[in-house]
PDB file of all heavy atoms in Angstrom:
ATOM      1  N   PHE A   1      -0.781   2.845   8.284  1.00  0.00           N
ATOM      2  CA  PHE A   1      -2.216   2.528   8.183  1.00  0.00           C
ATOM      3  C   PHE A   1      -2.734   2.785   6.748  1.00  0.00           C
ATOM      4  O   PHE A   1      -3.726   2.241   6.445  1.00  0.00           O
ATOM      5  CB  PHE A   1      -2.969   3.494   9.111  1.00  0.00           C
ATOM      6  CG  PHE A   1      -2.765   3.251  10.560  1.00  0.00           C
ATOM      7  CD1 PHE A   1      -2.235   4.218  11.395  1.00  0.00           C
ATOM      8  CD2 PHE A   1      -3.132   1.993  11.154  1.00  0.00           C
ATOM      9  CE1 PHE A   1      -2.111   4.014  12.798  1.00  0.00           C
ATOM     10  CE2 PHE A   1      -2.978   1.795  12.503  1.00  0.00           C
ATOM     11  CZ  PHE A   1      -2.404   2.789  13.340  1.00  0.00           C
ATOM     12  N   ALA A   2      -2.043   3.638   5.992  1.00  0.00           N
ATOM     13  CA  ALA A   2      -2.676   4.158   4.758  1.00  0.00           C
ATOM     14  C   ALA A   2      -2.941   3.063   3.739  1.00  0.00           C
ATOM     15  O   ALA A   2      -2.006   2.475   3.179  1.00  0.00           O
ATOM     16  CB  ALA A   2      -1.677   5.139   4.119  1.00  0.00           C
ATOM     17  N   ALA A   3      -4.191   2.667   3.669  1.00  0.00           N
ATOM     18  CA  ALA A   3      -4.593   1.574   2.756  1.00  0.00           C
ATOM     19  C   ALA A   3      -6.098   1.623   2.558  1.00  0.00           C
ATOM     20  O   ALA A   3      -6.858   2.106   3.414  1.00  0.00           O
ATOM     21  CB  ALA A   3      -4.240   0.214   3.348  1.00  0.00           C
ATOM     22  N   TYR A   4      -6.562   1.126   1.377  1.00  0.00           N
ATOM     23  CA  TYR A   4      -8.008   0.929   1.212  1.00  0.00           C
ATOM     24  C   TYR A   4      -8.345  -0.331   1.951  1.00  0.00           C
ATOM     25  O   TYR A   4      -7.582  -1.248   2.001  1.00  0.00           O
ATOM     26  CB  TYR A   4      -8.366   0.765  -0.278  1.00  0.00           C
ATOM     27  CG  TYR A   4      -8.106   2.042  -1.113  1.00  0.00           C
ATOM     28  CD1 TYR A   4      -7.662   1.908  -2.391  1.00  0.00           C
ATOM     29  CD2 TYR A   4      -8.319   3.337  -0.607  1.00  0.00           C
ATOM     30  CE1 TYR A   4      -7.411   3.053  -3.213  1.00  0.00           C
ATOM     31  CE2 TYR A   4      -8.024   4.466  -1.338  1.00  0.00           C
ATOM     32  CZ  TYR A   4      -7.592   4.341  -2.669  1.00  0.00           C
ATOM     33  OH  TYR A   4      -7.349   5.450  -3.404  1.00  0.00           O
ATOM     34  N   LYS A   5      -9.599  -0.385   2.460  1.00  0.00           N
ATOM     35  CA  LYS A   5      -9.967  -1.535   3.383  1.00  0.00           C
ATOM     36  C   LYS A   5     -11.251  -2.142   3.195  1.00  0.00           C
ATOM     37  O   LYS A   5     -11.716  -2.958   4.079  1.00  0.00           O
ATOM     38  CB  LYS A   5      -9.812  -0.965   4.814  1.00  0.00           C
ATOM     39  CG  LYS A   5     -10.795   0.166   5.095  1.00  0.00           C
ATOM     40  CD  LYS A   5     -10.736   0.598   6.574  1.00  0.00           C
ATOM     41  CE  LYS A   5     -11.807   1.579   6.858  1.00  0.00           C
ATOM     42  NZ  LYS A   5     -11.888   2.041   8.292  1.00  0.00           N
ATOM     43  N   ALA A   6     -12.018  -1.871   2.115  1.00  0.00           N
ATOM     44  CA  ALA A   6     -13.347  -2.513   1.973  1.00  0.00           C
ATOM     45  C   ALA A   6     -13.275  -3.808   1.223  1.00  0.00           C
ATOM     46  O   ALA A   6     -12.901  -3.792   0.091  1.00  0.00           O
ATOM     47  CB  ALA A   6     -14.238  -1.485   1.288  1.00  0.00           C
ATOM     48  N   VAL A   7     -13.674  -4.907   1.867  1.00  0.00           N
ATOM     49  CA  VAL A   7     -13.590  -6.182   1.262  1.00  0.00           C
ATOM     50  C   VAL A   7     -14.421  -6.308  -0.004  1.00  0.00           C
ATOM     51  O   VAL A   7     -13.959  -6.682  -1.097  1.00  0.00           O
ATOM     52  CB  VAL A   7     -14.090  -7.278   2.267  1.00  0.00           C
ATOM     53  CG1 VAL A   7     -14.338  -8.623   1.563  1.00  0.00           C
ATOM     54  CG2 VAL A   7     -13.124  -7.442   3.397  1.00  0.00           C
ATOM     55  N   GLY A   8     -15.672  -5.762   0.041  1.00  0.00           N
ATOM     56  CA  GLY A   8     -16.541  -5.852  -1.106  1.00  0.00           C
ATOM     57  C   GLY A   8     -16.040  -5.043  -2.305  1.00  0.00           C
ATOM     58  O   GLY A   8     -16.082  -5.486  -3.417  1.00  0.00           O
ATOM     59  N   GLU A   9     -15.532  -3.852  -1.987  1.00  0.00           N
ATOM     60  CA  GLU A   9     -14.981  -2.993  -3.121  1.00  0.00           C
ATOM     61  C   GLU A   9     -13.802  -3.620  -3.734  1.00  0.00           C
ATOM     62  O   GLU A   9     -13.623  -3.549  -4.943  1.00  0.00           O
ATOM     63  CB  GLU A   9     -14.660  -1.565  -2.533  1.00  0.00           C
ATOM     64  CG  GLU A   9     -14.158  -0.638  -3.587  1.00  0.00           C
ATOM     65  CD  GLU A   9     -13.632   0.663  -3.050  1.00  0.00           C
ATOM     66  OE1 GLU A   9     -12.804   0.606  -2.075  1.00  0.00           O
ATOM     67  OE2 GLU A   9     -13.942   1.763  -3.537  1.00  0.00           O
ATOM     68  N   SER A  10     -12.980  -4.289  -2.872  1.00  0.00           N
ATOM     69  CA  SER A  10     -11.714  -4.956  -3.428  1.00  0.00           C
ATOM     70  C   SER A  10     -12.134  -6.069  -4.388  1.00  0.00           C
ATOM     71  O   SER A  10     -11.388  -6.339  -5.333  1.00  0.00           O
ATOM     72  CB  SER A  10     -10.872  -5.454  -2.310  1.00  0.00           C
ATOM     73  OG  SER A  10     -11.277  -6.681  -1.740  1.00  0.00           O
ATOM     74  N   MET A  11     -13.259  -6.733  -4.162  1.00  0.00           N
ATOM     75  CA  MET A  11     -13.727  -7.783  -5.042  1.00  0.00           C
ATOM     76  C   MET A  11     -14.057  -7.182  -6.406  1.00  0.00           C
ATOM     77  O   MET A  11     -13.824  -7.811  -7.469  1.00  0.00           O
ATOM     78  CB  MET A  11     -14.916  -8.515  -4.523  1.00  0.00           C
ATOM     79  CG  MET A  11     -14.768  -9.106  -3.095  1.00  0.00           C
ATOM     80  SD  MET A  11     -13.700 -10.568  -3.030  1.00  0.00           S
ATOM     81  CE  MET A  11     -14.828 -11.842  -3.494  1.00  0.00           C
ATOM     82  N   ALA A  12     -14.674  -6.035  -6.351  1.00  0.00           N
ATOM     83  CA  ALA A  12     -15.080  -5.378  -7.649  1.00  0.00           C
ATOM     84  C   ALA A  12     -13.929  -4.585  -8.325  1.00  0.00           C
ATOM     85  O   ALA A  12     -13.912  -4.482  -9.551  1.00  0.00           O
ATOM     86  CB  ALA A  12     -16.242  -4.359  -7.320  1.00  0.00           C
ATOM     87  N   GLU A  13     -12.962  -4.091  -7.537  1.00  0.00           N
ATOM     88  CA  GLU A  13     -11.879  -3.222  -8.027  1.00  0.00           C
ATOM     89  C   GLU A  13     -10.488  -3.708  -7.594  1.00  0.00           C
ATOM     90  O   GLU A  13      -9.843  -2.970  -6.838  1.00  0.00           O
ATOM     91  CB  GLU A  13     -12.104  -1.788  -7.728  1.00  0.00           C
ATOM     92  CG  GLU A  13     -13.358  -1.173  -8.358  1.00  0.00           C
ATOM     93  CD  GLU A  13     -13.405   0.344  -8.171  1.00  0.00           C
ATOM     94  OE1 GLU A  13     -12.502   0.943  -8.759  1.00  0.00           O
ATOM     95  OE2 GLU A  13     -14.298   0.806  -7.505  1.00  0.00           O
ATOM     96  N   PRO A  14     -10.121  -4.927  -7.967  1.00  0.00           N
ATOM     97  CA  PRO A  14      -8.886  -5.438  -7.314  1.00  0.00           C
ATOM     98  C   PRO A  14      -7.608  -4.603  -7.714  1.00  0.00           C
ATOM     99  O   PRO A  14      -6.749  -4.391  -6.849  1.00  0.00           O
ATOM    100  CB  PRO A  14      -8.741  -6.855  -7.953  1.00  0.00           C
ATOM    101  CG  PRO A  14      -9.665  -6.891  -9.146  1.00  0.00           C
ATOM    102  CD  PRO A  14     -10.749  -5.904  -8.814  1.00  0.00           C
ATOM    103  N   LEU A  15      -7.555  -4.088  -8.963  1.00  0.00           N
ATOM    104  CA  LEU A  15      -6.333  -3.265  -9.306  1.00  0.00           C
ATOM    105  C   LEU A  15      -6.220  -2.071  -8.441  1.00  0.00           C
ATOM    106  O   LEU A  15      -5.106  -1.651  -8.031  1.00  0.00           O
ATOM    107  CB  LEU A  15      -6.370  -2.885 -10.760  1.00  0.00           C
ATOM    108  CG  LEU A  15      -5.845  -3.860 -11.790  1.00  0.00           C
ATOM    109  CD1 LEU A  15      -5.976  -3.387 -13.207  1.00  0.00           C
ATOM    110  CD2 LEU A  15      -4.368  -4.114 -11.536  1.00  0.00           C
ATOM    111  N   LYS A  16      -7.314  -1.400  -8.123  1.00  0.00           N
ATOM    112  CA  LYS A  16      -7.263  -0.250  -7.221  1.00  0.00           C
ATOM    113  C   LYS A  16      -6.604  -0.583  -5.879  1.00  0.00           C
ATOM    114  O   LYS A  16      -5.809   0.194  -5.379  1.00  0.00           O
ATOM    115  CB  LYS A  16      -8.682   0.265  -7.025  1.00  0.00           C
ATOM    116  CG  LYS A  16      -8.840   1.406  -6.070  1.00  0.00           C
ATOM    117  CD  LYS A  16     -10.275   1.837  -5.925  1.00  0.00           C
ATOM    118  CE  LYS A  16     -10.463   2.936  -4.818  1.00  0.00           C
ATOM    119  NZ  LYS A  16     -11.897   3.293  -4.654  1.00  0.00           N
ATOM    120  N   TYR A  17      -6.949  -1.767  -5.406  1.00  0.00           N
ATOM    121  CA  TYR A  17      -6.386  -2.181  -4.120  1.00  0.00           C
ATOM    122  C   TYR A  17      -4.960  -2.624  -4.195  1.00  0.00           C
ATOM    123  O   TYR A  17      -4.159  -2.239  -3.271  1.00  0.00           O
ATOM    124  CB  TYR A  17      -7.302  -3.337  -3.482  1.00  0.00           C
ATOM    125  CG  TYR A  17      -8.429  -2.784  -2.795  1.00  0.00           C
ATOM    126  CD1 TYR A  17      -9.462  -2.085  -3.438  1.00  0.00           C
ATOM    127  CD2 TYR A  17      -8.465  -2.867  -1.371  1.00  0.00           C
ATOM    128  CE1 TYR A  17     -10.452  -1.448  -2.688  1.00  0.00           C
ATOM    129  CE2 TYR A  17      -9.486  -2.261  -0.702  1.00  0.00           C
ATOM    130  CZ  TYR A  17     -10.497  -1.567  -1.327  1.00  0.00           C
ATOM    131  OH  TYR A  17     -11.513  -1.012  -0.630  1.00  0.00           O
ATOM    132  N   TYR A  18      -4.568  -3.352  -5.232  1.00  0.00           N
ATOM    133  CA  TYR A  18      -3.142  -3.744  -5.282  1.00  0.00           C
ATOM    134  C   TYR A  18      -2.319  -2.605  -5.538  1.00  0.00           C
ATOM    135  O   TYR A  18      -1.182  -2.380  -4.941  1.00  0.00           O
ATOM    136  CB  TYR A  18      -2.962  -4.746  -6.437  1.00  0.00           C
ATOM    137  CG  TYR A  18      -3.521  -6.113  -6.065  1.00  0.00           C
ATOM    138  CD1 TYR A  18      -4.574  -6.684  -6.747  1.00  0.00           C
ATOM    139  CD2 TYR A  18      -2.990  -6.852  -4.984  1.00  0.00           C
ATOM    140  CE1 TYR A  18      -5.137  -7.924  -6.435  1.00  0.00           C
ATOM    141  CE2 TYR A  18      -3.520  -8.067  -4.592  1.00  0.00           C
ATOM    142  CZ  TYR A  18      -4.532  -8.587  -5.376  1.00  0.00           C
ATOM    143  OH  TYR A  18      -5.056  -9.840  -5.004  1.00  0.00           O
ATOM    144  N   GLN A  19      -2.711  -1.595  -6.401  1.00  0.00           N
ATOM    145  CA  GLN A  19      -1.908  -0.401  -6.676  1.00  0.00           C
ATOM    146  C   GLN A  19      -1.779   0.479  -5.436  1.00  0.00           C
ATOM    147  O   GLN A  19      -0.664   0.782  -5.107  1.00  0.00           O
ATOM    148  CB  GLN A  19      -2.694   0.429  -7.722  1.00  0.00           C
ATOM    149  CG  GLN A  19      -2.081   1.769  -8.147  1.00  0.00           C
ATOM    150  CD  GLN A  19      -0.810   1.631  -8.947  1.00  0.00           C
ATOM    151  OE1 GLN A  19      -0.644   0.646  -9.616  1.00  0.00           O
ATOM    152  NE2 GLN A  19       0.118   2.591  -8.838  1.00  0.00           N
ATOM    153  N   ASN A  20      -2.818   0.772  -4.782  1.00  0.00           N
ATOM    154  CA  ASN A  20      -2.741   1.688  -3.596  1.00  0.00           C
ATOM    155  C   ASN A  20      -2.040   1.024  -2.431  1.00  0.00           C
ATOM    156  O   ASN A  20      -1.133   1.560  -1.819  1.00  0.00           O
ATOM    157  CB  ASN A  20      -4.115   2.140  -3.222  1.00  0.00           C
ATOM    158  CG  ASN A  20      -4.113   3.107  -2.000  1.00  0.00           C
ATOM    159  OD1 ASN A  20      -3.731   4.321  -2.148  1.00  0.00           O
ATOM    160  ND2 ASN A  20      -4.458   2.667  -0.860  1.00  0.00           N
ATOM    161  N   ASN A  21      -2.533  -0.150  -2.023  1.00  0.00           N
ATOM    162  CA  ASN A  21      -2.051  -0.795  -0.790  1.00  0.00           C
ATOM    163  C   ASN A  21      -0.621  -1.257  -0.814  1.00  0.00           C
ATOM    164  O   ASN A  21       0.027  -1.207   0.207  1.00  0.00           O
ATOM    165  CB  ASN A  21      -3.000  -1.895  -0.383  1.00  0.00           C
ATOM    166  CG  ASN A  21      -4.360  -1.459  -0.015  1.00  0.00           C
ATOM    167  OD1 ASN A  21      -4.727  -0.272  -0.172  1.00  0.00           O
ATOM    168  ND2 ASN A  21      -5.199  -2.352   0.542  1.00  0.00           N
ATOM    169  N   LEU A  22      -0.137  -1.645  -2.018  1.00  0.00           N
ATOM    170  CA  LEU A  22       1.189  -2.196  -2.087  1.00  0.00           C
ATOM    171  C   LEU A  22       2.236  -1.109  -2.482  1.00  0.00           C
ATOM    172  O   LEU A  22       3.326  -1.065  -1.941  1.00  0.00           O
ATOM    173  CB  LEU A  22       1.293  -3.374  -2.999  1.00  0.00           C
ATOM    174  CG  LEU A  22       0.429  -4.597  -2.499  1.00  0.00           C
ATOM    175  CD1 LEU A  22       0.476  -5.695  -3.563  1.00  0.00           C
ATOM    176  CD2 LEU A  22       0.853  -5.058  -1.149  1.00  0.00           C
ATOM    177  N   VAL A  23       1.872  -0.197  -3.392  1.00  0.00           N
ATOM    178  CA  VAL A  23       2.847   0.760  -3.855  1.00  0.00           C
ATOM    179  C   VAL A  23       3.108   1.748  -2.646  1.00  0.00           C
ATOM    180  O   VAL A  23       4.296   2.074  -2.416  1.00  0.00           O
ATOM    181  CB  VAL A  23       2.312   1.527  -5.058  1.00  0.00           C
ATOM    182  CG1 VAL A  23       3.141   2.783  -5.331  1.00  0.00           C
ATOM    183  CG2 VAL A  23       2.285   0.640  -6.300  1.00  0.00           C
ATOM    184  N   SER A  24       2.118   2.166  -1.934  1.00  0.00           N
ATOM    185  CA  SER A  24       2.289   3.087  -0.859  1.00  0.00           C
ATOM    186  C   SER A  24       3.202   2.504   0.190  1.00  0.00           C
ATOM    187  O   SER A  24       4.098   3.107   0.727  1.00  0.00           O
ATOM    188  CB  SER A  24       0.978   3.515  -0.203  1.00  0.00           C
ATOM    189  OG  SER A  24       0.291   2.298   0.376  1.00  0.00           O
ATOM    190  N   TYR A  25       2.976   1.225   0.486  1.00  0.00           N
ATOM    191  CA  TYR A  25       3.724   0.467   1.478  1.00  0.00           C
ATOM    192  C   TYR A  25       5.170   0.323   1.090  1.00  0.00           C
ATOM    193  O   TYR A  25       6.105   0.498   1.889  1.00  0.00           O
ATOM    194  CB  TYR A  25       3.021  -0.855   1.664  1.00  0.00           C
ATOM    195  CG  TYR A  25       3.656  -1.857   2.605  1.00  0.00           C
ATOM    196  CD1 TYR A  25       3.800  -1.514   3.935  1.00  0.00           C
ATOM    197  CD2 TYR A  25       4.008  -3.155   2.254  1.00  0.00           C
ATOM    198  CE1 TYR A  25       4.334  -2.359   4.871  1.00  0.00           C
ATOM    199  CE2 TYR A  25       4.552  -3.994   3.094  1.00  0.00           C
ATOM    200  CZ  TYR A  25       4.685  -3.671   4.418  1.00  0.00           C
ATOM    201  OH  TYR A  25       5.228  -4.563   5.313  1.00  0.00           O
ATOM    202  N   MET A  26       5.422  -0.104  -0.187  1.00  0.00           N
ATOM    203  CA  MET A  26       6.793  -0.258  -0.612  1.00  0.00           C
ATOM    204  C   MET A  26       7.527   1.138  -0.705  1.00  0.00           C
ATOM    205  O   MET A  26       8.755   1.088  -0.383  1.00  0.00           O
ATOM    206  CB  MET A  26       6.794  -1.005  -2.021  1.00  0.00           C
ATOM    207  CG  MET A  26       6.408  -2.426  -1.837  1.00  0.00           C
ATOM    208  SD  MET A  26       6.598  -3.427  -3.407  1.00  0.00           S
ATOM    209  CE  MET A  26       5.291  -2.776  -4.376  1.00  0.00           C
ATOM    210  N   ASN A  27       6.860   2.150  -0.966  1.00  0.00           N
ATOM    211  CA  ASN A  27       7.444   3.402  -0.877  1.00  0.00           C
ATOM    212  C   ASN A  27       7.931   3.793   0.527  1.00  0.00           C
ATOM    213  O   ASN A  27       9.049   4.305   0.712  1.00  0.00           O
ATOM    214  CB  ASN A  27       6.461   4.531  -1.319  1.00  0.00           C
ATOM    215  CG  ASN A  27       6.231   4.592  -2.835  1.00  0.00           C
ATOM    216  OD1 ASN A  27       6.991   4.000  -3.587  1.00  0.00           O
ATOM    217  ND2 ASN A  27       5.226   5.317  -3.305  1.00  0.00           N
ATOM    218  N   ILE A  28       7.109   3.476   1.490  1.00  0.00           N
ATOM    219  CA  ILE A  28       7.514   3.674   2.896  1.00  0.00           C
ATOM    220  C   ILE A  28       8.787   2.887   3.257  1.00  0.00           C
ATOM    221  O   ILE A  28       9.708   3.380   3.808  1.00  0.00           O
ATOM    222  CB  ILE A  28       6.353   3.231   3.856  1.00  0.00           C
ATOM    223  CG1 ILE A  28       5.124   4.195   3.722  1.00  0.00           C
ATOM    224  CG2 ILE A  28       6.872   3.126   5.252  1.00  0.00           C
ATOM    225  CD1 ILE A  28       5.144   5.395   4.693  1.00  0.00           C
ATOM    226  N   LEU A  29       8.724   1.551   2.891  1.00  0.00           N
ATOM    227  CA  LEU A  29       9.879   0.697   3.189  1.00  0.00           C
ATOM    228  C   LEU A  29      11.173   1.156   2.478  1.00  0.00           C
ATOM    229  O   LEU A  29      12.244   1.172   3.007  1.00  0.00           O
ATOM    230  CB  LEU A  29       9.571  -0.726   2.794  1.00  0.00           C
ATOM    231  CG  LEU A  29       8.503  -1.410   3.701  1.00  0.00           C
ATOM    232  CD1 LEU A  29       8.024  -2.726   3.016  1.00  0.00           C
ATOM    233  CD2 LEU A  29       9.081  -1.705   5.056  1.00  0.00           C
ATOM    234  N   GLN A  30      11.024   1.574   1.219  1.00  0.00           N
ATOM    235  CA  GLN A  30      12.174   2.053   0.393  1.00  0.00           C
ATOM    236  C   GLN A  30      12.773   3.267   1.092  1.00  0.00           C
ATOM    237  O   GLN A  30      14.028   3.390   1.232  1.00  0.00           O
ATOM    238  CB  GLN A  30      11.737   2.425  -0.956  1.00  0.00           C
ATOM    239  CG  GLN A  30      12.809   3.095  -1.894  1.00  0.00           C
ATOM    240  CD  GLN A  30      13.926   2.110  -2.173  1.00  0.00           C
ATOM    241  OE1 GLN A  30      13.662   0.924  -2.318  1.00  0.00           O
ATOM    242  NE2 GLN A  30      15.135   2.663  -2.282  1.00  0.00           N
ATOM    243  N   LEU A  31      11.983   4.199   1.559  1.00  0.00           N
ATOM    244  CA  LEU A  31      12.505   5.414   2.167  1.00  0.00           C
ATOM    245  C   LEU A  31      13.073   5.177   3.575  1.00  0.00           C
ATOM    246  O   LEU A  31      14.007   5.763   3.992  1.00  0.00           O
ATOM    247  CB  LEU A  31      11.434   6.516   2.269  1.00  0.00           C
ATOM    248  CG  LEU A  31      11.048   7.103   0.824  1.00  0.00           C
ATOM    249  CD1 LEU A  31       9.870   8.001   0.867  1.00  0.00           C
ATOM    250  CD2 LEU A  31      12.217   7.825   0.217  1.00  0.00           C
ATOM    251  N   MET A  32      12.455   4.203   4.322  1.00  0.00           N
ATOM    252  CA  MET A  32      13.025   3.847   5.599  1.00  0.00           C
ATOM    253  C   MET A  32      14.424   3.209   5.403  1.00  0.00           C
ATOM    254  O   MET A  32      15.317   3.584   6.158  1.00  0.00           O
ATOM    255  CB  MET A  32      12.096   2.806   6.242  1.00  0.00           C
ATOM    256  CG  MET A  32      10.816   3.343   6.783  1.00  0.00           C
ATOM    257  SD  MET A  32       9.817   2.088   7.612  1.00  0.00           S
ATOM    258  CE  MET A  32      10.847   1.682   9.051  1.00  0.00           C
ATOM    259  N   LYS A  33      14.589   2.472   4.368  1.00  0.00           N
ATOM    260  CA  LYS A  33      15.871   1.903   4.075  1.00  0.00           C
ATOM    261  C   LYS A  33      16.889   2.969   3.711  1.00  0.00           C
ATOM    262  O   LYS A  33      18.044   3.045   4.205  1.00  0.00           O
ATOM    263  CB  LYS A  33      15.803   0.911   2.941  1.00  0.00           C
ATOM    264  CG  LYS A  33      17.027   0.237   2.479  1.00  0.00           C
ATOM    265  CD  LYS A  33      16.729  -0.897   1.491  1.00  0.00           C
ATOM    266  CE  LYS A  33      18.011  -1.456   0.821  1.00  0.00           C
ATOM    267  NZ  LYS A  33      18.516  -0.622  -0.283  1.00  0.00           N
ATOM    268  N   GLU A  34      16.477   3.889   2.820  1.00  0.00           N
ATOM    269  CA  GLU A  34      17.361   4.997   2.360  1.00  0.00           C
ATOM    270  C   GLU A  34      17.797   5.928   3.511  1.00  0.00           C
ATOM    271  O   GLU A  34      18.906   6.312   3.619  1.00  0.00           O
ATOM    272  CB  GLU A  34      16.587   5.894   1.362  1.00  0.00           C
ATOM    273  CG  GLU A  34      16.723   5.450  -0.088  1.00  0.00           C
ATOM    274  CD  GLU A  34      16.065   6.467  -1.004  1.00  0.00           C
ATOM    275  OE1 GLU A  34      16.123   7.669  -0.711  1.00  0.00           O
ATOM    276  OE2 GLU A  34      15.352   5.950  -1.907  1.00  0.00           O
ATOM    277  N   PHE A  35      16.800   6.189   4.459  1.00  0.00           N
ATOM    278  CA  PHE A  35      17.026   7.223   5.515  1.00  0.00           C
ATOM    279  C   PHE A  35      17.451   6.593   6.844  1.00  0.00           C
ATOM    280  O   PHE A  35      17.739   7.266   7.777  1.00  0.00           O
ATOM    281  CB  PHE A  35      15.801   8.087   5.718  1.00  0.00           C
ATOM    282  CG  PHE A  35      15.617   9.093   4.660  1.00  0.00           C
ATOM    283  CD1 PHE A  35      15.029   8.776   3.445  1.00  0.00           C
ATOM    284  CD2 PHE A  35      15.941  10.461   4.876  1.00  0.00           C
ATOM    285  CE1 PHE A  35      14.808   9.755   2.502  1.00  0.00           C
ATOM    286  CE2 PHE A  35      15.750  11.420   3.860  1.00  0.00           C
ATOM    287  CZ  PHE A  35      15.165  11.069   2.758  1.00  0.00           C
ATOM    288  N   GLY A  36      17.616   5.234   6.832  1.00  0.00           N
ATOM    289  CA  GLY A  36      18.028   4.543   8.078  1.00  0.00           C
ATOM    290  C   GLY A  36      17.013   4.619   9.221  1.00  0.00           C
ATOM    291  O   GLY A  36      17.423   4.765  10.365  1.00  0.00           O
ATOM    292  N   ARG A  37      15.723   4.664   8.865  1.00  0.00           N
ATOM    293  CA  ARG A  37      14.719   4.674   9.949  1.00  0.00           C
ATOM    294  C   ARG A  37      14.366   3.226  10.249  1.00  0.00           C
ATOM    295  O   ARG A  37      13.884   2.484   9.405  1.00  0.00           O
ATOM    296  CB  ARG A  37      13.510   5.458   9.478  1.00  0.00           C
ATOM    297  CG  ARG A  37      13.766   6.876   8.920  1.00  0.00           C
ATOM    298  CD  ARG A  37      14.284   7.844   9.980  1.00  0.00           C
ATOM    299  NE  ARG A  37      14.855   9.029   9.362  1.00  0.00           N
ATOM    300  CZ  ARG A  37      14.154  10.103   9.052  1.00  0.00           C
ATOM    301  NH1 ARG A  37      12.857  10.147   9.199  1.00  0.00           N
ATOM    302  NH2 ARG A  37      14.801  11.195   8.576  1.00  0.00           N
ATOM    303  N   PRO A  38      14.566   2.802  11.473  1.00  0.00           N
ATOM    304  CA  PRO A  38      14.641   1.325  11.743  1.00  0.00           C
ATOM    305  C   PRO A  38      13.348   0.547  11.904  1.00  0.00           C
ATOM    306  O   PRO A  38      13.225  -0.573  11.533  1.00  0.00           O
ATOM    307  CB  PRO A  38      15.417   1.181  12.997  1.00  0.00           C
ATOM    308  CG  PRO A  38      15.210   2.509  13.702  1.00  0.00           C
ATOM    309  CD  PRO A  38      15.100   3.517  12.663  1.00  0.00           C
TER     310      PRO A  38
END
């Protein structure tokens, strides 16, 4: 679930949204792959 979610704020601060929402998500996927969590 961990993500920023305000449409209006994302229009004003796109980098904040790409950084938080995608880096956090890719970290989760990377560790799932490493630890074999399916």
